C-alpha atoms as a PDB file:
ATOM      1  CA  MET A   1     113.436 106.945  91.091  1.00  0.00           C
ATOM      2  CA  GLU A   2     116.716 106.183  92.860  1.00  0.00           C
ATOM      3  CA  LYS A   3     116.954 102.982  94.836  1.00  0.00           C
ATOM      4  CA  GLN A   4     117.479 103.640  98.536  1.00  0.00           C
ATOM      5  CA  GLU A   5     120.677 102.281 100.063  1.00  0.00           C
ATOM      6  CA  CYS A   6     120.028  99.139 102.094  1.00  0.00           C
ATOM      7  CA  TRP A   7     121.570  96.926 104.721  1.00  0.00           C
ATOM      8  CA  VAL A   8     121.552  93.336 103.458  1.00  0.00           C
ATOM      9  CA  VAL A   9     121.343  91.174 106.581  1.00  0.00           C
ATOM     10  CA  ASP A  10     120.800  87.760 104.973  1.00  0.00           C
ATOM     11  CA  GLU A  11     122.385  87.252 101.545  1.00  0.00           C
ATOM     12  CA  SER A  12     121.501  83.543 101.512  1.00  0.00           C
ATOM     13  CA  ALA A  13     117.704  83.968 101.756  1.00  0.00           C
ATOM     14  CA  THR A  14     115.667  82.354  98.965  1.00  0.00           C
ATOM     15  CA  THR A  15     111.972  82.144  98.150  1.00  0.00           C
ATOM     16  CA  ASN A  16     109.838  79.092  97.400  1.00  0.00           C
ATOM     17  CA  GLN A  17     108.444  79.456  93.857  1.00  0.00           C
ATOM     18  CA  ALA A  18     105.510  77.208  94.766  1.00  0.00           C
ATOM     19  CA  PHE A  19     103.898  80.043  96.763  1.00  0.00           C
ATOM     20  CA  GLY A  20     102.995  83.599  95.822  1.00  0.00           C
ATOM     21  CA  CYS A  21     104.060  85.118  92.488  1.00  0.00           C
ATOM     22  CA  LEU A  22     105.675  88.168  90.939  1.00  0.00           C
ATOM     23  CA  PRO A  23     103.192  91.081  90.945  1.00  0.00           C
ATOM     24  CA  SER A  24     103.575  91.394  87.155  1.00  0.00           C
ATOM     25  CA  GLU A  25     102.443  87.751  86.748  1.00  0.00           C
ATOM     26  CA  ARG A  26      99.408  87.924  89.035  1.00  0.00           C
ATOM     27  CA  PRO A  27      96.308  86.302  87.467  1.00  0.00           C
ATOM     28  CA  LEU A  28      93.157  88.332  86.824  1.00  0.00           C
ATOM     29  CA  GLU A  29      91.249  86.755  89.732  1.00  0.00           C
ATOM     30  CA  GLU A  30      93.902  87.981  92.173  1.00  0.00           C
ATOM     31  CA  LEU A  31      94.097  91.417  90.542  1.00  0.00           C
ATOM     32  CA  LEU A  32      90.343  91.821  91.049  1.00  0.00           C
ATOM     33  CA  GLU A  33      90.834  90.924  94.712  1.00  0.00           C
ATOM     34  CA  CYS A  34      93.675  93.413  95.229  1.00  0.00           C
ATOM     35  CA  GLY A  35      94.513  95.643  92.269  1.00  0.00           C
ATOM     36  CA  ILE A  36      94.128  99.176  90.951  1.00  0.00           C
ATOM     37  CA  ILE A  37      92.531 100.583  87.815  1.00  0.00           C
ATOM     38  CA  LEU A  38      93.730 103.917  86.477  1.00  0.00           C
ATOM     39  CA  VAL A  39      90.815 105.721  84.847  1.00  0.00           C
ATOM     40  CA  ASP A  40      90.860 108.869  82.718  1.00  0.00           C
ATOM     41  CA  LYS A  41      87.830 110.555  84.278  1.00  0.00           C
ATOM     42  CA  PRO A  42      85.625 112.564  81.883  1.00  0.00           C
ATOM     43  CA  SER A  43      83.906 115.789  82.840  1.00  0.00           C
ATOM     44  CA  GLY A  44      80.406 115.244  84.222  1.00  0.00           C
ATOM     45  CA  PRO A  45      80.156 112.206  86.489  1.00  0.00           C
ATOM     46  CA  SER A  46      81.431 112.293  90.055  1.00  0.00           C
ATOM     47  CA  SER A  47      84.309 110.138  91.259  1.00  0.00           C
ATOM     48  CA  HIS A  48      81.801 108.106  93.294  1.00  0.00           C
ATOM     49  CA  GLN A  49      79.695 107.445  90.179  1.00  0.00           C
ATOM     50  CA  LEU A  50      82.698 106.116  88.250  1.00  0.00           C
ATOM     51  CA  ALA A  51      83.602 103.809  91.131  1.00  0.00           C
ATOM     52  CA  ALA A  52      80.001 102.563  91.261  1.00  0.00           C
ATOM     53  CA  TRP A  53      79.933 101.907  87.486  1.00  0.00           C
ATOM     54  CA  ALA A  54      83.204  99.972  87.678  1.00  0.00           C
ATOM     55  CA  ARG A  55      81.892  97.984  90.652  1.00  0.00           C
ATOM     56  CA  SER A  56      78.786  97.034  88.693  1.00  0.00           C
ATOM     57  CA  MET A  57      80.693  96.161  85.506  1.00  0.00           C
ATOM     58  CA  LEU A  58      83.236  93.971  87.259  1.00  0.00           C
ATOM     59  CA  GLY A  59      80.736  92.378  89.620  1.00  0.00           C
ATOM     60  CA  ILE A  60      82.879  92.835  92.730  1.00  0.00           C
ATOM     61  CA  ASN A  61      81.653  94.118  96.068  1.00  0.00           C
ATOM     62  CA  LYS A  62      84.349  96.592  96.957  1.00  0.00           C
ATOM     63  CA  ILE A  63      85.826  99.334  94.764  1.00  0.00           C
ATOM     64  CA  GLY A  64      86.931 102.671  96.172  1.00  0.00           C
ATOM     65  CA  HIS A  65      88.793 105.615  94.715  1.00  0.00           C
ATOM     66  CA  GLY A  66      91.781 107.602  95.857  1.00  0.00           C
ATOM     67  CA  GLY A  67      91.724 111.376  95.543  1.00  0.00           C
ATOM     68  CA  THR A  68      88.284 112.760  94.623  1.00  0.00           C
ATOM     69  CA  LEU A  69      87.957 114.855  91.481  1.00  0.00           C
ATOM     70  CA  ASP A  70      85.087 117.351  91.197  1.00  0.00           C
ATOM     71  CA  PRO A  71      82.459 116.382  88.569  1.00  0.00           C
ATOM     72  CA  PHE A  72      83.659 119.101  86.151  1.00  0.00           C
ATOM     73  CA  ALA A  73      87.300 117.986  86.428  1.00  0.00           C
ATOM     74  CA  THR A  74      89.009 115.398  84.218  1.00  0.00           C
ATOM     75  CA  GLY A  75      92.086 113.214  84.412  1.00  0.00           C
ATOM     76  CA  LEU A  76      93.661 110.520  86.519  1.00  0.00           C
ATOM     77  CA  LEU A  77      91.380 108.784  88.999  1.00  0.00           C
ATOM     78  CA  THR A  78      92.675 105.691  90.782  1.00  0.00           C
ATOM     79  CA  LEU A  79      90.112 102.969  91.489  1.00  0.00           C
ATOM     80  CA  LEU A  80      91.057 100.461  94.195  1.00  0.00           C
ATOM     81  CA  CYS A  81      89.699  96.912  94.039  1.00  0.00           C
ATOM     82  CA  GLY A  82      89.042  94.665  97.019  1.00  0.00           C
ATOM     83  CA  ARG A  83      91.836  94.616  99.596  1.00  0.00           C
ATOM     84  CA  SER A  84      93.666  97.447  97.854  1.00  0.00           C
ATOM     85  CA  THR A  85      91.131  99.839  99.439  1.00  0.00           C
ATOM     86  CA  LYS A  86      93.162  99.333 102.618  1.00  0.00           C
ATOM     87  CA  ILE A  87      95.940 101.514 101.193  1.00  0.00           C
ATOM     88  CA  THR A  88      93.665 104.442 100.245  1.00  0.00           C
ATOM     89  CA  GLY A  89      95.348 106.527 102.951  1.00  0.00           C
ATOM     90  CA  GLU A  90      98.767 106.020 101.380  1.00  0.00           C
ATOM     91  CA  LEU A  91      97.440 106.988  97.945  1.00  0.00           C
ATOM     92  CA  LEU A  92      95.867 110.162  99.320  1.00  0.00           C
ATOM     93  CA  LYS A  93      99.301 111.294 100.589  1.00  0.00           C
ATOM     94  CA  LYS A  94     100.851 111.245  97.105  1.00  0.00           C
ATOM     95  CA  PRO A  95     101.663 114.610  95.449  1.00  0.00           C
ATOM     96  CA  LYS A  96      99.500 115.643  92.518  1.00  0.00           C
ATOM     97  CA  SER A  97      99.994 117.468  89.209  1.00  0.00           C
ATOM     98  CA  TYR A  98      97.305 119.480  87.429  1.00  0.00           C
ATOM     99  CA  ALA A  99      96.716 121.469  84.257  1.00  0.00           C
ATOM    100  CA  ALA A 100      94.303 124.348  84.854  1.00  0.00           C
ATOM    101  CA  VAL A 101      92.605 126.612  82.308  1.00  0.00           C
ATOM    102  CA  ILE A 102      91.721 129.954  83.896  1.00  0.00           C
ATOM    103  CA  ARG A 103      89.981 133.120  82.686  1.00  0.00           C
ATOM    104  CA  PHE A 104      90.380 136.649  83.996  1.00  0.00           C
ATOM    105  CA  LYS A 105      87.661 139.287  83.908  1.00  0.00           C
ATOM    106  CA  ASN A 106      90.047 141.704  82.189  1.00  0.00           C
ATOM    107  CA  PRO A 107      93.154 141.008  80.085  1.00  0.00           C
ATOM    108  CA  ILE A 108      96.368 140.555  82.053  1.00  0.00           C
ATOM    109  CA  ASP A 109      99.854 140.826  80.630  1.00  0.00           C
ATOM    110  CA  GLY A 110     101.658 137.481  80.289  1.00  0.00           C
ATOM    111  CA  LEU A 111     104.806 138.733  82.035  1.00  0.00           C
ATOM    112  CA  GLU A 112     102.795 140.102  84.970  1.00  0.00           C
ATOM    113  CA  LEU A 113     100.852 136.852  85.282  1.00  0.00           C
ATOM    114  CA  HIS A 114     104.049 134.795  85.065  1.00  0.00           C
ATOM    115  CA  GLU A 115     105.452 136.744  88.036  1.00  0.00           C
ATOM    116  CA  LEU A 116     102.242 136.293  90.039  1.00  0.00           C
ATOM    117  CA  VAL A 117     102.102 132.566  89.297  1.00  0.00           C
ATOM    118  CA  SER A 118     105.755 132.167  90.300  1.00  0.00           C
ATOM    119  CA  LYS A 119     104.944 133.682  93.694  1.00  0.00           C
ATOM    120  CA  MET A 120     102.318 130.998  94.344  1.00  0.00           C
ATOM    121  CA  GLN A 121     104.918 128.425  95.302  1.00  0.00           C
ATOM    122  CA  GLY A 122     106.136 127.066  98.607  1.00  0.00           C
ATOM    123  CA  GLU A 123     103.987 126.873 101.736  1.00  0.00           C
ATOM    124  CA  ILE A 124     100.594 128.511 101.177  1.00  0.00           C
ATOM    125  CA  TYR A 125      97.341 128.864 103.083  1.00  0.00           C
ATOM    126  CA  ASN A 126      94.621 126.825 101.380  1.00  0.00           C
ATOM    127  CA  VAL A 127      90.963 127.021 102.418  1.00  0.00           C
ATOM    128  CA  PRO A 128      88.436 124.550 100.925  1.00  0.00           C
ATOM    129  CA  PRO A 129      86.050 126.294  98.482  1.00  0.00           C
ATOM    130  CA  LYS A 130      82.327 126.501  99.165  1.00  0.00           C
ATOM    131  CA  GLU A 131      81.742 123.722  96.615  1.00  0.00           C
ATOM    132  CA  SER A 132      83.785 121.275  98.706  1.00  0.00           C
ATOM    133  CA  ALA A 133      82.181 118.853 101.158  1.00  0.00           C
ATOM    134  CA  VAL A 134      85.174 119.287 103.476  1.00  0.00           C
ATOM    135  CA  LYS A 135      84.712 121.318 106.662  1.00  0.00           C
ATOM    136  CA  ILE A 136      85.911 124.886 106.113  1.00  0.00           C
ATOM    137  CA  GLN A 137      89.192 125.420 107.938  1.00  0.00           C
ATOM    138  CA  VAL A 138      92.449 127.213 107.232  1.00  0.00           C
ATOM    139  CA  ARG A 139      95.360 124.893 106.514  1.00  0.00           C
ATOM    140  CA  SER A 140      98.686 125.085 104.735  1.00  0.00           C
ATOM    141  CA  ARG A 141      99.733 123.141 101.639  1.00  0.00           C
ATOM    142  CA  LYS A 142     102.944 123.102  99.612  1.00  0.00           C
ATOM    143  CA  VAL A 143     102.997 124.050  95.934  1.00  0.00           C
ATOM    144  CA  THR A 144     106.269 122.769  94.479  1.00  0.00           C
ATOM    145  CA  LYS A 145     105.800 124.232  90.995  1.00  0.00           C
ATOM    146  CA  SER A 146     103.395 126.590  89.237  1.00  0.00           C
ATOM    147  CA  ASP A 147     104.062 127.679  85.659  1.00  0.00           C
ATOM    148  CA  LEU A 148     102.292 129.713  82.999  1.00  0.00           C
ATOM    149  CA  ILE A 149     102.203 127.493  79.890  1.00  0.00           C
ATOM    150  CA  GLN A 150     100.027 129.271  77.337  1.00  0.00           C
ATOM    151  CA  THR A 151      97.963 132.440  76.828  1.00  0.00           C
ATOM    152  CA  GLU A 152      94.976 132.967  74.511  1.00  0.00           C
ATOM    153  CA  GLU A 153      91.885 135.182  73.866  1.00  0.00           C
ATOM    154  CA  GLY A 154      93.612 138.521  74.186  1.00  0.00           C
ATOM    155  CA  ASP A 155      95.431 137.736  77.437  1.00  0.00           C
ATOM    156  CA  ARG A 156      92.260 136.656  79.266  1.00  0.00           C
ATOM    157  CA  VAL A 157      92.503 132.841  79.079  1.00  0.00           C
ATOM    158  CA  HIS A 158      95.622 131.096  80.345  1.00  0.00           C
ATOM    159  CA  LEU A 159      96.890 127.544  80.885  1.00  0.00           C
ATOM    160  CA  LEU A 160      98.756 126.794  84.119  1.00  0.00           C
ATOM    161  CA  SER A 161     100.730 123.732  85.218  1.00  0.00           C
ATOM    162  CA  ILE A 162     100.701 123.062  88.979  1.00  0.00           C
ATOM    163  CA  ASP A 163     102.566 120.474  91.074  1.00  0.00           C
ATOM    164  CA  CYS A 164     101.365 120.377  94.660  1.00  0.00           C
ATOM    165  CA  GLU A 165     100.981 118.507  97.911  1.00  0.00           C
ATOM    166  CA  ALA A 166      98.026 116.171  98.289  1.00  0.00           C
ATOM    167  CA  GLY A 167      94.843 117.905  99.433  1.00  0.00           C
ATOM    168  CA  THR A 168      95.548 121.229  97.694  1.00  0.00           C
ATOM    169  CA  TYR A 169      92.413 122.961  96.410  1.00  0.00           C
ATOM    170  CA  ILE A 170      93.180 124.302  92.932  1.00  0.00           C
ATOM    171  CA  ARG A 171      89.928 126.294  92.807  1.00  0.00           C
ATOM    172  CA  THR A 172      91.124 128.172  95.903  1.00  0.00           C
ATOM    173  CA  LEU A 173      94.540 128.800  94.318  1.00  0.00           C
ATOM    174  CA  ILE A 174      92.872 130.330  91.271  1.00  0.00           C
ATOM    175  CA  ARG A 175      90.601 132.483  93.432  1.00  0.00           C
ATOM    176  CA  ASP A 176      93.654 133.744  95.316  1.00  0.00           C
ATOM    177  CA  LEU A 177      95.399 134.487  92.021  1.00  0.00           C
ATOM    178  CA  GLY A 178      92.489 136.749  91.119  1.00  0.00           C
ATOM    179  CA  LEU A 179      92.775 138.513  94.479  1.00  0.00           C
ATOM    180  CA  LEU A 180      96.526 139.009  94.057  1.00  0.00           C
ATOM    181  CA  SER A 181      96.064 140.480  90.593  1.00  0.00           C
ATOM    182  CA  GLY A 182      93.041 142.613  91.530  1.00  0.00           C
ATOM    183  CA  ASN A 183      91.339 141.035  88.523  1.00  0.00           C
ATOM    184  CA  GLY A 184      88.522 138.503  88.934  1.00  0.00           C
ATOM    185  CA  CYS A 185      89.619 135.022  87.906  1.00  0.00           C
ATOM    186  CA  GLU A 186      87.689 131.758  87.395  1.00  0.00           C
ATOM    187  CA  LEU A 187      88.674 128.144  86.842  1.00  0.00           C
ATOM    188  CA  LEU A 188      87.333 126.932  83.476  1.00  0.00           C
ATOM    189  CA  GLU A 189      88.902 123.462  83.228  1.00  0.00           C
ATOM    190  CA  LEU A 190      90.942 121.229  85.515  1.00  0.00           C
ATOM    191  CA  HIS A 191      92.846 118.085  84.534  1.00  0.00           C
ATOM    192  CA  ARG A 192      94.811 115.883  86.941  1.00  0.00           C
ATOM    193  CA  SER A 193      97.843 114.525  85.087  1.00  0.00           C
ATOM    194  CA  ARG A 194      99.714 112.731  87.871  1.00  0.00           C
ATOM    195  CA  THR A 195      99.331 111.141  91.312  1.00  0.00           C
ATOM    196  CA  GLY A 196     102.681 110.158  92.787  1.00  0.00           C
ATOM    197  CA  SER A 197     104.401 108.058  90.109  1.00  0.00           C
ATOM    198  CA  LEU A 198     101.094 107.305  88.316  1.00  0.00           C
ATOM    199  CA  GLU A 199     100.449 109.373  85.172  1.00  0.00           C
ATOM    200  CA  ASP A 200      97.358 109.950  83.062  1.00  0.00           C
ATOM    201  CA  GLN A 201      99.019 108.344  80.004  1.00  0.00           C
ATOM    202  CA  MET A 202      98.728 105.056  81.916  1.00  0.00           C
ATOM    203  CA  ALA A 203      94.948 105.397  82.335  1.00  0.00           C
ATOM    204  CA  CYS A 204      92.074 103.872  80.355  1.00  0.00           C
ATOM    205  CA  ASN A 205      88.696 105.455  79.707  1.00  0.00           C
ATOM    206  CA  MET A 206      85.452 103.889  80.886  1.00  0.00           C
ATOM    207  CA  GLN A 207      84.580 102.627  77.381  1.00  0.00           C
ATOM    208  CA  GLN A 208      87.879 100.736  77.177  1.00  0.00           C
ATOM    209  CA  LEU A 209      87.177  99.222  80.583  1.00  0.00           C
ATOM    210  CA  ALA A 210      83.675  98.192  79.485  1.00  0.00           C
ATOM    211  CA  ASP A 211      85.056  96.611  76.282  1.00  0.00           C
ATOM    212  CA  ALA A 212      87.655  94.647  78.254  1.00  0.00           C
ATOM    213  CA  VAL A 213      85.002  93.402  80.685  1.00  0.00           C
ATOM    214  CA  PHE A 214      82.805  92.320  77.729  1.00  0.00           C
ATOM    215  CA  LEU A 215      85.633  90.276  76.197  1.00  0.00           C
ATOM    216  CA  TRP A 216      86.321  88.672  79.557  1.00  0.00           C
ATOM    217  CA  ARG A 217      82.698  87.794  80.343  1.00  0.00           C
ATOM    218  CA  GLU A 218      81.330  87.000  76.882  1.00  0.00           C
ATOM    219  CA  HIS A 219      84.385  85.543  75.148  1.00  0.00           C
ATOM    220  CA  ASP A 220      86.384  84.208  78.099  1.00  0.00           C
ATOM    221  CA  ASP A 221      89.323  86.433  77.100  1.00  0.00           C
ATOM    222  CA  PRO A 222      90.868  88.092  80.185  1.00  0.00           C
ATOM    223  CA  ARG A 223      93.916  89.570  78.431  1.00  0.00           C
ATOM    224  CA  GLY A 224      92.551  93.073  77.906  1.00  0.00           C
ATOM    225  CA  LEU A 225      91.205  93.402  81.433  1.00  0.00           C
ATOM    226  CA  SER A 226      94.419  92.014  82.918  1.00  0.00           C
ATOM    227  CA  ARG A 227      96.329  94.821  81.173  1.00  0.00           C
ATOM    228  CA  LEU A 228      94.007  97.470  82.631  1.00  0.00           C
ATOM    229  CA  ILE A 229      94.312  96.317  86.250  1.00  0.00           C
ATOM    230  CA  SER A 230      97.682  97.006  87.869  1.00  0.00           C
ATOM    231  CA  PRO A 231      98.988  95.218  90.948  1.00  0.00           C
ATOM    232  CA  VAL A 232      98.578  97.152  94.204  1.00  0.00           C
ATOM    233  CA  GLU A 233     102.364  97.533  94.388  1.00  0.00           C
ATOM    234  CA  ALA A 234     102.160 100.246  91.692  1.00  0.00           C
ATOM    235  CA  VAL A 235     100.663 102.664  94.237  1.00  0.00           C
ATOM    236  CA  LEU A 236     103.269 101.866  96.897  1.00  0.00           C
ATOM    237  CA  GLU A 237     106.372 102.645  94.829  1.00  0.00           C
ATOM    238  CA  GLY A 238     108.745 104.997  96.588  1.00  0.00           C
ATOM    239  CA  MET A 239     107.984 103.869 100.135  1.00  0.00           C
ATOM    240  CA  PRO A 240     110.968 102.707 102.244  1.00  0.00           C
ATOM    241  CA  GLU A 241     110.916  98.942 101.717  1.00  0.00           C
ATOM    242  CA  ILE A 242     111.987  96.092 103.984  1.00  0.00           C
ATOM    243  CA  ILE A 243     112.385  92.744 102.223  1.00  0.00           C
ATOM    244  CA  ILE A 244     111.318  89.776 104.339  1.00  0.00           C
ATOM    245  CA  LYS A 245     111.580  85.973 104.188  1.00  0.00           C
ATOM    246  CA  ASP A 246     108.765  83.612 103.212  1.00  0.00           C
ATOM    247  CA  GLY A 247     108.181  82.525 106.814  1.00  0.00           C
ATOM    248  CA  ALA A 248     107.809  86.153 107.903  1.00  0.00           C
ATOM    249  CA  VAL A 249     105.322  86.734 105.057  1.00  0.00           C
ATOM    250  CA  ALA A 250     103.094  83.981 106.434  1.00  0.00           C
ATOM    251  CA  ALA A 251     103.254  85.343 109.981  1.00  0.00           C
ATOM    252  CA  LEU A 252     102.669  88.968 108.970  1.00  0.00           C
ATOM    253  CA  SER A 253      99.669  88.046 106.817  1.00  0.00           C
ATOM    254  CA  HIS A 254      98.073  86.912 110.096  1.00  0.00           C
ATOM    255  CA  GLY A 255      98.943  90.241 111.762  1.00  0.00           C
ATOM    256  CA  ALA A 256     102.074  89.167 113.657  1.00  0.00           C
ATOM    257  CA  PRO A 257     104.839  91.742 114.240  1.00  0.00           C
ATOM    258  CA  LEU A 258     108.062  91.526 112.230  1.00  0.00           C
ATOM    259  CA  ALA A 259     111.005  90.074 114.138  1.00  0.00           C
ATOM    260  CA  ARG A 260     114.673  90.553 113.283  1.00  0.00           C
ATOM    261  CA  PRO A 261     115.270  86.961 111.995  1.00  0.00           C
ATOM    262  CA  GLY A 262     112.633  87.458 109.283  1.00  0.00           C
ATOM    263  CA  ILE A 263     114.500  90.277 107.505  1.00  0.00           C
ATOM    264  CA  VAL A 264     116.508  89.993 104.286  1.00  0.00           C
ATOM    265  CA  SER A 265     117.305  93.686 103.726  1.00  0.00           C
ATOM    266  CA  VAL A 266     116.349  97.018 105.248  1.00  0.00           C
ATOM    267  CA  PRO A 267     116.849 100.613 104.004  1.00  0.00           C
ATOM    268  CA  LYS A 268     119.434 102.766 105.745  1.00  0.00           C
ATOM    269  CA  GLY A 269     118.563 105.843 107.783  1.00  0.00           C
ATOM    270  CA  ILE A 270     114.900 105.126 108.620  1.00  0.00           C
ATOM    271  CA  LEU A 271     113.976 106.192 112.142  1.00  0.00           C
ATOM    272  CA  SER A 272     111.812 104.401 114.677  1.00  0.00           C
ATOM    273  CA  GLY A 273     108.171 105.392 114.243  1.00  0.00           C
ATOM    274  CA  GLU A 274     108.385 105.888 110.482  1.00  0.00           C
ATOM    275  CA  THR A 275     106.192 103.995 108.021  1.00  0.00           C
ATOM    276  CA  VAL A 276     107.699 101.274 105.830  1.00  0.00           C
ATOM    277  CA  LEU A 277     106.488  98.763 103.257  1.00  0.00           C
ATOM    278  CA  LEU A 278     107.149  95.107 104.029  1.00  0.00           C
ATOM    279  CA  SER A 279     107.656  93.120 100.814  1.00  0.00           C
ATOM    280  CA  SER A 280     108.354  89.497  99.969  1.00  0.00           C
ATOM    281  CA  LEU A 281     111.408  88.335  98.030  1.00  0.00           C
ATOM    282  CA  LYS A 282     109.138  88.220  94.952  1.00  0.00           C
ATOM    283  CA  GLY A 283     108.268  91.910  95.374  1.00  0.00           C
ATOM    284  CA  GLU A 284     104.764  91.327  96.765  1.00  0.00           C
ATOM    285  CA  ALA A 285     103.369  93.941  99.168  1.00  0.00           C
ATOM    286  CA  VAL A 286     102.749  92.157 102.477  1.00  0.00           C
ATOM    287  CA  ALA A 287     101.965  94.975 104.902  1.00  0.00           C
ATOM    288  CA  ILE A 288     102.460  98.633 105.699  1.00  0.00           C
ATOM    289  CA  ALA A 289     104.166  98.800 109.083  1.00  0.00           C
ATOM    290  CA  GLU A 290     105.649 101.125 111.669  1.00  0.00           C
ATOM    291  CA  LEU A 291     109.295 100.655 112.611  1.00  0.00           C
ATOM    292  CA  THR A 292     109.842 100.137 116.330  1.00  0.00           C
ATOM    293  CA  VAL A 293     113.653 100.548 116.097  1.00  0.00           C
ATOM    294  CA  ASP A 294     115.954 102.654 113.926  1.00  0.00           C
ATOM    295  CA  SER A 295     116.764 100.745 110.733  1.00  0.00           C
ATOM    296  CA  ASP A 296     120.507 101.288 111.191  1.00  0.00           C
ATOM    297  CA  SER A 297     120.380  99.299 114.429  1.00  0.00           C
ATOM    298  CA  ILE A 298     118.825  96.217 112.798  1.00  0.00           C
ATOM    299  CA  PRO A 299     122.016  94.686 111.296  1.00  0.00           C
ATOM    300  CA  VAL A 300     123.567  94.314 114.768  1.00  0.00           C
ATOM    301  CA  MET A 301     120.442  92.790 116.324  1.00  0.00           C
ATOM    302  CA  ASP A 302     120.119  89.011 116.712  1.00  0.00           C
ATOM    303  CA  SER A 303     116.468  88.915 117.776  1.00  0.00           C
ATOM    304  CA  GLY A 304     113.566  91.118 118.842  1.00  0.00           C
ATOM    305  CA  GLN A 305     110.677  92.989 117.250  1.00  0.00           C
ATOM    306  CA  VAL A 306     111.513  95.580 114.600  1.00  0.00           C
ATOM    307  CA  ALA A 307     108.128  96.594 113.100  1.00  0.00           C
ATOM    308  CA  ILE A 308     104.392  96.404 113.794  1.00  0.00           C
ATOM    309  CA  PRO A 309     101.977  96.038 110.841  1.00  0.00           C
ATOM    310  CA  LYS A 310      99.420  98.843 110.548  1.00  0.00           C
ATOM    311  CA  THR A 311      97.769  97.605 107.347  1.00  0.00           C
ATOM    312  CA  VAL A 312      98.006  93.964 106.242  1.00  0.00           C
ATOM    313  CA  ILE A 313      97.728  93.612 102.450  1.00  0.00           C
ATOM    314  CA  MET A 314      98.705  89.985 101.836  1.00  0.00           C
ATOM    315  CA  GLN A 315      95.874  87.461 102.002  1.00  0.00           C
ATOM    316  CA  PRO A 316      96.431  84.913 104.818  1.00  0.00           C
ATOM    317  CA  GLY A 317      97.301  81.473 103.478  1.00  0.00           C
ATOM    318  CA  ALA A 318      99.225  82.668 100.414  1.00  0.00           C
ATOM    319  CA  TYR A 319     102.389  81.363 102.096  1.00  0.00           C
ATOM    320  CA  PRO A 320     102.489  78.328 104.416  1.00  0.00           C
ATOM    321  CA  GLN A 321     103.012  78.932 108.106  1.00  0.00           C
ATOM    322  CA  THR A 322     106.293  77.742 109.574  1.00  0.00           C
ATOM    323  CA  TRP A 323     105.366  78.075 113.233  1.00  0.00           C
ATOM    324  CA  SER A 324     103.475  75.766 115.555  1.00  0.00           C
ATOM    325  CA  LYS A 325      99.979  76.613 116.769  1.00  0.00           C
ATOM    326  CA  GLU A 326     100.692  74.944 120.101  1.00  0.00           C
END
């Protein structure tokens, strides 16, 4: 992913190594308080069941998941630990990739199907299927890519690859494909291979997670579990990022707005009202905020508010306050 061009407004800013740490060096205790676990979900259990099992295994009160997979579906499921549940909304916005095995009632020529699949791209109407718990309503979703990968069983069973906007119902897409072809079509298997920049090759299965927890609890060896829990920053990659000073980190962790003097660098071309990630000089996610001015106006400002935190991620007290309470 290309790095966005930035305005550097304070080249002399430094960070105190006595406070905070690089996300890649975060100890297990802190990862359990605000980290993510990428799980390769098997067919059968629901997403809620997997989150509950992980919660019980790890002995922590709060674990959520981002992007529900139906019980029959497999693939990448992101579990969010502790404070990382605050960024569930950001995770749900990420585009998704799927592999879908479909079966037609009657054989369909590969070339004909390829043409039909190619047409199922761009802005489409997508209605939740009856199996979904979501309220039935017509909405549009964007399919960026849909390809025919493989054909078997006398042109009845086919493998599709689909890249789409978050919230796209693949079962509905397959139903519509059957309607377009005039040939009944059903979804046999569904595998989610990607969510944003997170891929299923990065995921562990539940047995690997259980083994890592056993080594941690019974043999006081946290290394395996530490490798399976990623810092929360992994989910937030790709967001426009403002780098802030240590003093601003402390203030923002208590919910204060970001003022111009607290900025080290800011991306170019971000408009007022857009969402940005506020990060420390060590790369730690501090807060998700809304810009209150255009980013290109910040370099010429001397003072004033530039962003309001919407979701505070950093735990208060991680950095010392530099302001007076009086």
